[in-house]
C-alpha atoms as a PDB file:
ATOM      1  CA  MET A   1      67.010 166.107 107.199  1.00  0.00           C
ATOM      2  CA  ALA A   2      64.956 163.430 105.464  1.00  0.00           C
ATOM      3  CA  LEU A   3      64.672 161.606 108.791  1.00  0.00           C
ATOM      4  CA  ILE A   4      62.621 164.402 110.383  1.00  0.00           C
ATOM      5  CA  PRO A   5      59.475 164.043 108.197  1.00  0.00           C
ATOM      6  CA  GLY A   6      59.604 160.306 108.761  1.00  0.00           C
ATOM      7  CA  LEU A   7      59.748 160.762 112.544  1.00  0.00           C
ATOM      8  CA  MET A   8      56.902 163.270 112.427  1.00  0.00           C
ATOM      9  CA  LEU A   9      54.769 160.864 110.387  1.00  0.00           C
ATOM     10  CA  ALA A  10      55.529 157.989 112.744  1.00  0.00           C
ATOM     11  CA  ALA A  11      54.578 160.165 115.736  1.00  0.00           C
ATOM     12  CA  ALA A  12      51.288 161.143 114.108  1.00  0.00           C
ATOM     13  CA  LEU A  13      50.236 157.549 113.447  1.00  0.00           C
ATOM     14  CA  SER A  14      49.219 155.030 116.044  1.00  0.00           C
ATOM     15  CA  PRO A  15      50.494 151.410 115.952  1.00  0.00           C
ATOM     16  CA  ASP A  16      47.079 150.322 114.694  1.00  0.00           C
ATOM     17  CA  ASP A  17      47.253 152.816 111.824  1.00  0.00           C
ATOM     18  CA  ILE A  18      50.735 151.621 110.879  1.00  0.00           C
ATOM     19  CA  ALA A  19      49.662 147.967 111.006  1.00  0.00           C
ATOM     20  CA  ALA A  20      46.592 148.659 108.858  1.00  0.00           C
ATOM     21  CA  ARG A  21      48.577 150.591 106.253  1.00  0.00           C
ATOM     22  CA  ALA A  22      51.311 147.966 106.185  1.00  0.00           C
ATOM     23  CA  GLY A  23      48.714 145.246 105.771  1.00  0.00           C
ATOM     24  CA  VAL A  24      47.314 146.951 102.679  1.00  0.00           C
ATOM     25  CA  VAL A  25      50.761 146.806 101.068  1.00  0.00           C
ATOM     26  CA  LEU A  26      52.023 143.485 102.399  1.00  0.00           C
ATOM     27  CA  ALA A  27      48.883 141.393 101.854  1.00  0.00           C
ATOM     28  CA  PRO A  28      49.008 141.570  98.021  1.00  0.00           C
ATOM     29  CA  LEU A  29      52.763 140.944  98.050  1.00  0.00           C
ATOM     30  CA  TRP A  30      52.265 137.865 100.207  1.00  0.00           C
ATOM     31  CA  ARG A  31      49.527 136.553  97.913  1.00  0.00           C
ATOM     32  CA  ILE A  32      51.776 137.098  94.887  1.00  0.00           C
ATOM     33  CA  CYS A  33      54.565 135.140  96.575  1.00  0.00           C
ATOM     34  CA  ILE A  34      52.211 132.296  97.513  1.00  0.00           C
ATOM     35  CA  ASP A  35      50.713 132.085  94.025  1.00  0.00           C
ATOM     36  CA  THR A  36      54.164 132.156  92.404  1.00  0.00           C
ATOM     37  CA  VAL A  37      55.446 129.353  94.611  1.00  0.00           C
ATOM     38  CA  SER A  38      52.266 127.331  94.014  1.00  0.00           C
ATOM     39  CA  ILE A  39      52.614 127.592  90.227  1.00  0.00           C
ATOM     40  CA  VAL A  40      56.292 126.604  90.364  1.00  0.00           C
ATOM     41  CA  LEU A  41      55.626 123.659  92.687  1.00  0.00           C
ATOM     42  CA  GLU A  42      52.749 122.399  90.530  1.00  0.00           C
ATOM     43  CA  ALA A  43      54.853 122.549  87.378  1.00  0.00           C
ATOM     44  CA  ALA A  44      58.156 121.362  88.911  1.00  0.00           C
ATOM     45  CA  PRO A  45      57.485 117.590  88.552  1.00  0.00           C
ATOM     46  CA  PHE A  46      56.827 118.016  84.829  1.00  0.00           C
ATOM     47  CA  VAL A  47      59.931 120.191  84.396  1.00  0.00           C
ATOM     48  CA  LEU A  48      62.059 117.635  86.244  1.00  0.00           C
ATOM     49  CA  ALA A  49      60.652 114.730  84.224  1.00  0.00           C
ATOM     50  CA  GLY A  50      61.251 116.630  81.005  1.00  0.00           C
ATOM     51  CA  SER A  51      64.816 117.477  82.036  1.00  0.00           C
ATOM     52  CA  ILE A  52      65.664 113.841  82.769  1.00  0.00           C
ATOM     53  CA  ALA A  53      64.029 112.591  79.585  1.00  0.00           C
ATOM     54  CA  ALA A  54      65.706 115.230  77.417  1.00  0.00           C
ATOM     55  CA  THR A  55      69.112 114.389  78.808  1.00  0.00           C
ATOM     56  CA  LEU A  56      68.670 110.656  78.219  1.00  0.00           C
ATOM     57  CA  ALA A  57      67.282 111.196  74.723  1.00  0.00           C
ATOM     58  CA  GLN A  58      70.162 113.402  73.654  1.00  0.00           C
ATOM     59  CA  ARG A  59      72.668 110.714  74.584  1.00  0.00           C
ATOM     60  CA  PHE A  60      71.316 108.509  71.783  1.00  0.00           C
ATOM     61  CA  VAL A  61      71.339 111.088  68.992  1.00  0.00           C
ATOM     62  CA  ARG A  62      74.205 109.977  66.801  1.00  0.00           C
ATOM     63  CA  SER A  63      72.955 109.492  63.242  1.00  0.00           C
ATOM     64  CA  PRO A  64      71.680 112.387  61.100  1.00  0.00           C
ATOM     65  CA  LEU A  65      68.957 110.059  59.857  1.00  0.00           C
ATOM     66  CA  THR A  66      67.485 109.577  63.312  1.00  0.00           C
ATOM     67  CA  ALA A  67      68.120 113.083  64.675  1.00  0.00           C
ATOM     68  CA  PRO A  68      64.847 114.659  63.418  1.00  0.00           C
ATOM     69  CA  LEU A  69      62.809 111.727  64.714  1.00  0.00           C
ATOM     70  CA  VAL A  70      64.475 111.862  68.118  1.00  0.00           C
ATOM     71  CA  ALA A  71      64.162 115.658  68.352  1.00  0.00           C
ATOM     72  CA  ALA A  72      60.467 115.474  67.483  1.00  0.00           C
ATOM     73  CA  LEU A  73      59.514 112.514  69.665  1.00  0.00           C
ATOM     74  CA  ALA A  74      62.011 112.549  72.524  1.00  0.00           C
ATOM     75  CA  PRO A  75      60.214 112.787  75.883  1.00  0.00           C
ATOM     76  CA  GLY A  76      61.896 116.025  76.923  1.00  0.00           C
ATOM     77  CA  CYS A  77      60.812 119.643  77.321  1.00  0.00           C
ATOM     78  CA  ASP A  78      61.436 122.409  74.801  1.00  0.00           C
ATOM     79  CA  CYS A  79      64.442 123.540  76.820  1.00  0.00           C
ATOM     80  CA  ALA A  80      66.326 120.705  75.089  1.00  0.00           C
ATOM     81  CA  MET A  81      65.699 122.001  71.568  1.00  0.00           C
ATOM     82  CA  ASN A  82      68.893 124.056  71.486  1.00  0.00           C
ATOM     83  CA  GLY A  83      70.846 120.920  72.279  1.00  0.00           C
ATOM     84  CA  PHE A  84      68.995 118.917  69.627  1.00  0.00           C
ATOM     85  CA  ALA A  85      69.907 121.580  67.066  1.00  0.00           C
ATOM     86  CA  VAL A  86      73.460 120.251  67.170  1.00  0.00           C
ATOM     87  CA  ALA A  87      72.355 116.897  65.767  1.00  0.00           C
ATOM     88  CA  LEU A  88      70.139 118.576  63.155  1.00  0.00           C
ATOM     89  CA  ARG A  89      72.897 120.553  61.445  1.00  0.00           C
ATOM     90  CA  SER A  90      73.291 117.873  58.768  1.00  0.00           C
ATOM     91  CA  CYS A  91      69.539 117.748  57.982  1.00  0.00           C
ATOM     92  CA  LYS A  92      67.627 119.853  55.489  1.00  0.00           C
ATOM     93  CA  PRO A  93      66.438 123.053  57.195  1.00  0.00           C
ATOM     94  CA  ALA A  94      62.759 122.286  56.543  1.00  0.00           C
ATOM     95  CA  ILE A  95      63.068 118.887  58.223  1.00  0.00           C
ATOM     96  CA  ALA A  96      65.056 120.343  61.113  1.00  0.00           C
ATOM     97  CA  GLY A  97      62.565 123.166  61.632  1.00  0.00           C
ATOM     98  CA  MET A  98      59.609 120.804  61.648  1.00  0.00           C
ATOM     99  CA  ALA A  99      61.316 118.529  64.174  1.00  0.00           C
ATOM    100  CA  LEU A 100      62.222 121.431  66.466  1.00  0.00           C
ATOM    101  CA  THR A 101      58.710 122.907  66.286  1.00  0.00           C
ATOM    102  CA  TRP A 102      56.886 119.645  66.911  1.00  0.00           C
ATOM    103  CA  GLY A 103      59.345 118.720  69.665  1.00  0.00           C
ATOM    104  CA  ALA A 104      58.770 122.046  71.401  1.00  0.00           C
ATOM    105  CA  VAL A 105      54.961 122.013  71.212  1.00  0.00           C
ATOM    106  CA  CYS A 106      54.125 118.305  71.357  1.00  0.00           C
ATOM    107  CA  ASN A 107      56.921 116.497  73.144  1.00  0.00           C
ATOM    108  CA  PRO A 108      55.530 113.592  75.209  1.00  0.00           C
ATOM    109  CA  ILE A 109      56.100 115.197  78.620  1.00  0.00           C
ATOM    110  CA  ALA A 110      54.305 118.380  77.531  1.00  0.00           C
ATOM    111  CA  LEU A 111      51.397 116.307  76.246  1.00  0.00           C
ATOM    112  CA  VAL A 112      51.179 114.425  79.544  1.00  0.00           C
ATOM    113  CA  ALA A 113      51.221 117.721  81.433  1.00  0.00           C
ATOM    114  CA  THR A 114      48.508 119.130  79.182  1.00  0.00           C
ATOM    115  CA  ALA A 115      46.273 116.092  79.605  1.00  0.00           C
ATOM    116  CA  THR A 116      46.794 116.116  83.380  1.00  0.00           C
ATOM    117  CA  VAL A 117      46.202 119.827  83.926  1.00  0.00           C
ATOM    118  CA  LEU A 118      43.841 120.867  81.113  1.00  0.00           C
ATOM    119  CA  GLY A 119      42.172 117.625  80.064  1.00  0.00           C
ATOM    120  CA  GLY A 120      41.803 115.568  76.909  1.00  0.00           C
ATOM    121  CA  HIS A 121      40.018 118.191  74.816  1.00  0.00           C
ATOM    122  CA  LEU A 122      42.858 120.679  75.177  1.00  0.00           C
ATOM    123  CA  LEU A 123      45.357 117.872  74.578  1.00  0.00           C
ATOM    124  CA  VAL A 124      43.801 117.220  71.178  1.00  0.00           C
ATOM    125  CA  ALA A 125      43.783 120.951  70.411  1.00  0.00           C
ATOM    126  CA  ARG A 126      47.462 121.184  71.292  1.00  0.00           C
ATOM    127  CA  ILE A 127      48.370 118.238  69.074  1.00  0.00           C
ATOM    128  CA  ILE A 128      46.399 119.623  66.134  1.00  0.00           C
ATOM    129  CA  GLY A 129      47.816 123.113  66.574  1.00  0.00           C
ATOM    130  CA  GLY A 130      51.360 121.823  66.925  1.00  0.00           C
ATOM    131  CA  GLY A 131      50.961 119.668  63.840  1.00  0.00           C
ATOM    132  CA  VAL A 132      49.695 122.589  61.760  1.00  0.00           C
ATOM    133  CA  ALA A 133      52.515 124.835  63.012  1.00  0.00           C
ATOM    134  CA  ALA A 134      55.184 122.247  62.202  1.00  0.00           C
ATOM    135  CA  GLY A 135      53.686 121.354  58.819  1.00  0.00           C
ATOM    136  CA  THR A 136      53.234 124.982  57.778  1.00  0.00           C
ATOM    137  CA  LEU A 137      56.791 125.809  58.829  1.00  0.00           C
ATOM    138  CA  GLY A 138      58.153 122.921  56.785  1.00  0.00           C
ATOM    139  CA  LEU A 139      56.138 123.999  53.747  1.00  0.00           C
ATOM    140  CA  LEU A 140      57.182 127.653  53.984  1.00  0.00           C
ATOM    141  CA  TRP A 141      60.823 126.773  54.489  1.00  0.00           C
ATOM    142  CA  ARG A 142      60.717 124.282  51.618  1.00  0.00           C
ATOM    143  CA  LEU A 143      59.177 126.836  49.270  1.00  0.00           C
ATOM    144  CA  GLY A 144      61.866 129.284  50.330  1.00  0.00           C
ATOM    145  CA  GLY A 145      64.633 126.857  49.396  1.00  0.00           C
ATOM    146  CA  ASP A 146      66.393 124.153  51.353  1.00  0.00           C
ATOM    147  CA  ALA A 147      69.881 125.574  51.025  1.00  0.00           C
ATOM    148  CA  LYS A 148      71.899 125.221  54.214  1.00  0.00           C
ATOM    149  CA  ASP A 149      73.728 128.523  53.982  1.00  0.00           C
ATOM    150  CA  CYS A 150      71.593 129.982  56.787  1.00  0.00           C
ATOM    151  CA  LEU A 151      72.434 127.191  59.189  1.00  0.00           C
ATOM    152  CA  HIS A 152      74.757 128.508  61.862  1.00  0.00           C
ATOM    153  CA  ASP A 153      77.272 126.641  63.944  1.00  0.00           C
ATOM    154  CA  ALA A 154      76.449 128.577  67.109  1.00  0.00           C
ATOM    155  CA  CYS A 155      74.802 125.551  68.692  1.00  0.00           C
ATOM    156  CA  ALA A 156      75.166 124.640  72.323  1.00  0.00           C
ATOM    157  CA  PRO A 157      76.327 121.124  73.202  1.00  0.00           C
ATOM    158  CA  ALA A 158      73.977 118.667  74.817  1.00  0.00           C
ATOM    159  CA  ALA A 159      73.365 119.632  78.421  1.00  0.00           C
ATOM    160  CA  GLY A 160      72.817 117.505  81.507  1.00  0.00           C
ATOM    161  CA  VAL A 161      69.835 117.145  83.816  1.00  0.00           C
ATOM    162  CA  ALA A 162      70.915 120.006  86.064  1.00  0.00           C
ATOM    163  CA  ALA A 163      71.308 122.397  83.128  1.00  0.00           C
ATOM    164  CA  HIS A 164      67.920 121.487  81.656  1.00  0.00           C
ATOM    165  CA  LEU A 165      66.260 121.781  85.059  1.00  0.00           C
ATOM    166  CA  GLU A 166      67.894 125.145  85.669  1.00  0.00           C
ATOM    167  CA  ASP A 167      66.769 126.422  82.268  1.00  0.00           C
ATOM    168  CA  GLY A 168      63.222 125.183  82.827  1.00  0.00           C
ATOM    169  CA  LEU A 169      62.885 126.771  86.263  1.00  0.00           C
ATOM    170  CA  ARG A 170      64.612 129.958  85.117  1.00  0.00           C
ATOM    171  CA  LEU A 171      62.057 130.329  82.354  1.00  0.00           C
ATOM    172  CA  LEU A 172      59.151 129.300  84.562  1.00  0.00           C
ATOM    173  CA  LEU A 173      59.828 131.583  87.533  1.00  0.00           C
ATOM    174  CA  PRO A 174      59.387 134.979  85.822  1.00  0.00           C
ATOM    175  CA  ALA A 175      56.364 133.693  83.926  1.00  0.00           C
ATOM    176  CA  ALA A 176      54.829 132.434  87.171  1.00  0.00           C
ATOM    177  CA  PHE A 177      55.575 135.743  88.893  1.00  0.00           C
ATOM    178  CA  VAL A 178      54.001 137.837  86.134  1.00  0.00           C
ATOM    179  CA  GLY A 179      50.978 135.552  86.122  1.00  0.00           C
ATOM    180  CA  SER A 180      50.639 135.868  89.887  1.00  0.00           C
ATOM    181  CA  VAL A 181      50.833 139.657  89.705  1.00  0.00           C
ATOM    182  CA  VAL A 182      48.001 139.689  87.173  1.00  0.00           C
ATOM    183  CA  ILE A 183      45.920 137.299  89.288  1.00  0.00           C
ATOM    184  CA  VAL A 184      46.304 139.398  92.441  1.00  0.00           C
ATOM    185  CA  MET A 185      46.407 142.953  91.112  1.00  0.00           C
ATOM    186  CA  ALA A 186      44.075 142.729  88.118  1.00  0.00           C
ATOM    187  CA  PRO A 187      41.836 139.666  88.453  1.00  0.00           C
ATOM    188  CA  ASP A 188      39.159 141.202  86.222  1.00  0.00           C
ATOM    189  CA  VAL A 189      41.589 141.160  83.295  1.00  0.00           C
ATOM    190  CA  LEU A 190      41.437 137.370  83.215  1.00  0.00           C
ATOM    191  CA  GLY A 191      37.692 137.248  82.794  1.00  0.00           C
ATOM    192  CA  THR A 192      37.188 140.231  80.496  1.00  0.00           C
ATOM    193  CA  HIS A 193      40.316 140.537  78.373  1.00  0.00           C
ATOM    194  CA  MET A 194      41.925 137.090  78.178  1.00  0.00           C
ATOM    195  CA  SER A 195      40.782 136.377  74.653  1.00  0.00           C
ATOM    196  CA  PRO A 196      42.658 133.792  72.566  1.00  0.00           C
ATOM    197  CA  LEU A 197      44.605 136.613  70.896  1.00  0.00           C
ATOM    198  CA  PHE A 198      45.536 138.165  74.228  1.00  0.00           C
ATOM    199  CA  ALA A 199      46.482 134.733  75.587  1.00  0.00           C
ATOM    200  CA  ALA A 200      48.695 134.033  72.564  1.00  0.00           C
ATOM    201  CA  ILE A 201      50.499 137.366  72.919  1.00  0.00           C
ATOM    202  CA  ALA A 202      51.000 136.826  76.652  1.00  0.00           C
ATOM    203  CA  ALA A 203      52.349 133.318  76.059  1.00  0.00           C
ATOM    204  CA  ALA A 204      54.704 134.486  73.318  1.00  0.00           C
ATOM    205  CA  LEU A 205      56.180 137.103  75.634  1.00  0.00           C
ATOM    206  CA  LEU A 206      56.294 134.967  78.776  1.00  0.00           C
ATOM    207  CA  SER A 207      57.637 131.935  76.854  1.00  0.00           C
ATOM    208  CA  PRO A 208      57.375 129.391  79.680  1.00  0.00           C
ATOM    209  CA  CYS A 209      58.795 125.878  79.556  1.00  0.00           C
ATOM    210  CA  SER A 210      56.545 123.504  77.595  1.00  0.00           C
ATOM    211  CA  THR A 211      56.053 121.299  80.641  1.00  0.00           C
ATOM    212  CA  ALA A 212      54.840 124.290  82.662  1.00  0.00           C
ATOM    213  CA  ASP A 213      52.697 126.185  80.174  1.00  0.00           C
ATOM    214  CA  PRO A 214      49.544 124.090  80.877  1.00  0.00           C
ATOM    215  CA  VAL A 215      49.686 125.198  84.507  1.00  0.00           C
ATOM    216  CA  LEU A 216      50.048 128.851  83.552  1.00  0.00           C
ATOM    217  CA  ALA A 217      47.326 128.513  80.926  1.00  0.00           C
ATOM    218  CA  LYS A 218      44.938 127.133  83.542  1.00  0.00           C
ATOM    219  CA  VAL A 219      45.771 129.973  85.920  1.00  0.00           C
ATOM    220  CA  LEU A 220      45.708 132.843  83.459  1.00  0.00           C
ATOM    221  CA  ALA A 221      43.047 131.844  80.930  1.00  0.00           C
ATOM    222  CA  VAL A 222      39.447 130.896  81.605  1.00  0.00           C
ATOM    223  CA  SER A 223      38.161 129.582  78.298  1.00  0.00           C
ATOM    224  CA  GLY A 224      39.382 126.510  76.442  1.00  0.00           C
ATOM    225  CA  PRO A 225      40.250 128.416  73.233  1.00  0.00           C
ATOM    226  CA  ALA A 226      42.359 130.910  75.182  1.00  0.00           C
ATOM    227  CA  GLN A 227      44.142 128.077  76.972  1.00  0.00           C
ATOM    228  CA  ALA A 228      44.802 126.341  73.648  1.00  0.00           C
ATOM    229  CA  ALA A 229      46.199 129.545  72.169  1.00  0.00           C
ATOM    230  CA  PHE A 230      48.424 129.972  75.206  1.00  0.00           C
ATOM    231  CA  VAL A 231      50.034 126.510  75.175  1.00  0.00           C
ATOM    232  CA  VAL A 232      50.701 126.556  71.417  1.00  0.00           C
ATOM    233  CA  ALA A 233      51.935 130.147  71.171  1.00  0.00           C
ATOM    234  CA  ALA A 234      54.202 129.611  74.175  1.00  0.00           C
ATOM    235  CA  GLN A 235      56.264 127.123  72.172  1.00  0.00           C
ATOM    236  CA  CYS A 236      56.082 127.923  68.449  1.00  0.00           C
ATOM    237  CA  ALA A 237      55.463 131.690  68.348  1.00  0.00           C
ATOM    238  CA  ASP A 238      57.384 132.721  71.458  1.00  0.00           C
ATOM    239  CA  VAL A 239      60.467 134.904  71.592  1.00  0.00           C
ATOM    240  CA  ARG A 240      62.670 132.071  72.845  1.00  0.00           C
ATOM    241  CA  GLN A 241      61.813 129.606  70.066  1.00  0.00           C
ATOM    242  CA  LEU A 242      62.022 132.267  67.366  1.00  0.00           C
ATOM    243  CA  ALA A 243      65.406 133.370  68.700  1.00  0.00           C
ATOM    244  CA  LEU A 244      66.614 129.761  68.545  1.00  0.00           C
ATOM    245  CA  LEU A 245      65.484 129.395  64.925  1.00  0.00           C
ATOM    246  CA  SER A 246      66.940 132.766  63.993  1.00  0.00           C
ATOM    247  CA  ARG A 247      70.273 131.880  65.553  1.00  0.00           C
ATOM    248  CA  HIS A 248      70.568 128.555  63.750  1.00  0.00           C
ATOM    249  CA  PHE A 249      68.635 129.121  60.517  1.00  0.00           C
ATOM    250  CA  GLY A 250      68.546 132.863  59.914  1.00  0.00           C
ATOM    251  CA  VAL A 251      66.137 135.745  60.515  1.00  0.00           C
ATOM    252  CA  ARG A 252      64.091 135.149  57.341  1.00  0.00           C
ATOM    253  CA  ARG A 253      63.243 131.595  58.301  1.00  0.00           C
ATOM    254  CA  ALA A 254      62.449 132.701  61.865  1.00  0.00           C
ATOM    255  CA  ALA A 255      59.940 135.205  60.468  1.00  0.00           C
ATOM    256  CA  LEU A 256      58.311 132.435  58.434  1.00  0.00           C
ATOM    257  CA  ALA A 257      58.247 130.311  61.589  1.00  0.00           C
ATOM    258  CA  ALA A 258      56.289 133.085  63.334  1.00  0.00           C
ATOM    259  CA  LEU A 259      53.661 132.905  60.585  1.00  0.00           C
ATOM    260  CA  ALA A 260      53.519 129.128  60.955  1.00  0.00           C
ATOM    261  CA  GLY A 261      53.121 129.526  64.709  1.00  0.00           C
ATOM    262  CA  ALA A 262      50.224 131.922  64.194  1.00  0.00           C
ATOM    263  CA  ALA A 263      48.556 129.355  61.929  1.00  0.00           C
ATOM    264  CA  GLY A 264      49.054 126.704  64.606  1.00  0.00           C
ATOM    265  CA  CYS A 265      47.530 128.931  67.291  1.00  0.00           C
ATOM    266  CA  LEU A 266      44.490 129.715  65.155  1.00  0.00           C
ATOM    267  CA  THR A 267      43.965 126.018  64.424  1.00  0.00           C
ATOM    268  CA  ALA A 268      44.282 125.119  68.115  1.00  0.00           C
ATOM    269  CA  VAL A 269      41.724 127.771  69.042  1.00  0.00           C
ATOM    270  CA  MET A 270      39.261 126.385  66.500  1.00  0.00           C
ATOM    271  CA  ALA A 271      39.855 122.839  67.723  1.00  0.00           C
ATOM    272  CA  ALA A 272      39.255 123.869  71.346  1.00  0.00           C
ATOM    273  CA  ARG A 273      35.843 125.418  70.706  1.00  0.00           C
END
């Protein structure tokens, strides 16, 4: 019975009417697909470079004394932080948290991507914001006690290039899709509502890979402060990073990390003005 109304509607419409109505629906969908693919392709070289670098860096993490330094400075994306957490189990939580935060926000590949896509001014803002977030986290965790009883053993082993690349693209694709939907369906939102606060909230929820967040920041945010808030919040105040810290160091320390991330975002916004 449901077929009859459909046949009647098809008979009432001419081929031109059907084509025009279909075009209204299909044109935005096609633009969303194109924009999503473009964002992924633009970010893919950085994600691949970060995946290779993270895998190579993790192979050399053997000593607890060098683990925080390697986690903080290894040229890999934030997708590797869960693997680095294995080597940080023997460190003081404050040191481990600082290394994981700085490594997520300011790993070398992410800094290269930021300089390439957003320019030197935003690079400096990202470094300053990441430094404040890491330093504040270390201070808050140190004041809260450096006991290791919150450190969990639920750490994943070091992954290979394919696993890191898969994680990076898996995190990038939904973020790119949501960004493309906003660009196509509500372009005015970007110019009128993408304040630094809005950008930080969007980044925290989207939680893209650190090597891809400069691309999304450029697409979604117009102003430098909003872009700075996006790239910092996407790595130190996002749901993925906070879940990692909660899993390995406990919910209380993850909540303190969120406060530190907010301080880092605010500092980055001020530095980008």
